[in-house]
Amino acid sequence: MELNALRAALRGISVCRELTDQPLFAGIRELLDALHEKNGEEALECYASRFYVLRADGYEGIGDWLWDQLRYTENSYSRLIDRGGSDPALENAARRDIDTLVLLAQTDCDRFIDAMKPLLGNEFAPVLAGLPRWRAAAPFDFDSVTRFYRDHGAGQFARYRAFLWEDGQLVPVADPDCPKPEDLLGYEHQRGMVERNTRLMLAGRQANNVLLFGDGGTGKSATVKSMLYLPGMEDLRLIEVEKENLTGMPDLIRSLAGRRQKFILFIDDLAFDQDDRTYSSMKTILEGTLEKRPANMCVCATSNRRHLVRQTFADRAGDEVDTFETISEKTALAERFGLRVPYLTMNKADYLALVDHLAAQAGVSMDRSDLHAQAMTWEIRHAGRTPRVARQFVASLS
């Protein structure tokens, strides 16, 4: 395709408009505009800056950059495929856009440089001869883009598996701190309950909201996070929500409906004080409103408190007519979780077996009776026979 024809085709991008707002894409259009207007120095400046931007972002060519943008930037066509819809007009427009982007990616740099030569004086000849080139290739076509949308969706949910919900925005976590299932020891029954519930959701069935409650250090949070790395959970996404951001969760839930991915909304260390304004938000999230809760999400919360609401003796001696009814209403929040999983401290035998296992992994060489005696002394000083305490003890030996 001639450069002027390519310039005109890029002006007609209609479905992938998000790309046209990116600085690199805008610079390519400025380069083509400068060549069209016979402005050689402006064209040279645009060319050099495009090479700089490509390399600064870690790309060898425009095609590599476009492939990332097409996969990880949502557009109306990607959303259509993600939801399994059909729209021939939209499909034809997307095909035309992607075919144009393929032509752009395949345009050799010498085409741009040769077009600049007659527009610049002889003093620019050494500059043009020494200009760096980017790779001219298109690692995609319309079929491969469509296949990617069908298999993985598009946008940030195709690129990342874990997110933070902060101030009404999803913040991707590129390297989440999630334990592998093989790193977790003990509490197999509890983890199995959470896994079975999660697999129900992955299968497209309605899953329960889950409350994991009990002693600290028993692995409640690790259980939820480990779901990401179980076999068959490739479509699972984890979104961690701080309690302060609960009021914005209905908007988040609404935005997740209809997507191919399944979502765990993870609330860690959940507890409410009296008159806590976020209490009613949590109640609404669990009970729902007139809007039907999407089948592709569930809430998983952890808490050291079985009933979630902190109580004081002053609460019991309040001046309400029916104090018991008020307390019951507040403590009933936990009952709105369809699945409640207790995590209690380990018995002595399980605790010492875990210590033996971790010590062997760490290469600790010690008489078994001495190891157990020190482990029990450590446990007394660190309040509880839990996996966290066992790991801390073995780390102290290592």
Foldseek 3Di string as FASTA:
>chain_A
DALVVLLVLVVLQDFLVVVCPDPLNVLVNQLSVCLVVLNLVSNVVSVQVSVVVCVVVPHQFLQVVVVQCLFAPDTPVLLCLQLPHDDVVVLVSVQSNQVSSQVVLQDWPVSSLVSSVVSDDPVCVVVSVPDDTGDRGHPDHSVRSSVSSNVQGGHPLSQAQEWECDPNDTHGDNDDPADAPVVDDDPPVLLVVVLVQLVCLLVVHAGFAEEEEADPQACQVNSVRNSCNDPPQVLEHEYEYELVCLQNVVVVQVVPASGNGAYEHEYEAAAAEPPRPSLVSLLCVLVDDVDDGHSRYHYYYYHHDQQRYDDDVCLVVDPDPCSVVVVCVSSCSNVSGPYYGYRYFDDLVSLLVLLVVVLVVVVPDDDSVVSSVVLVVQCVVVPTSHNRSSNVSSVVRD
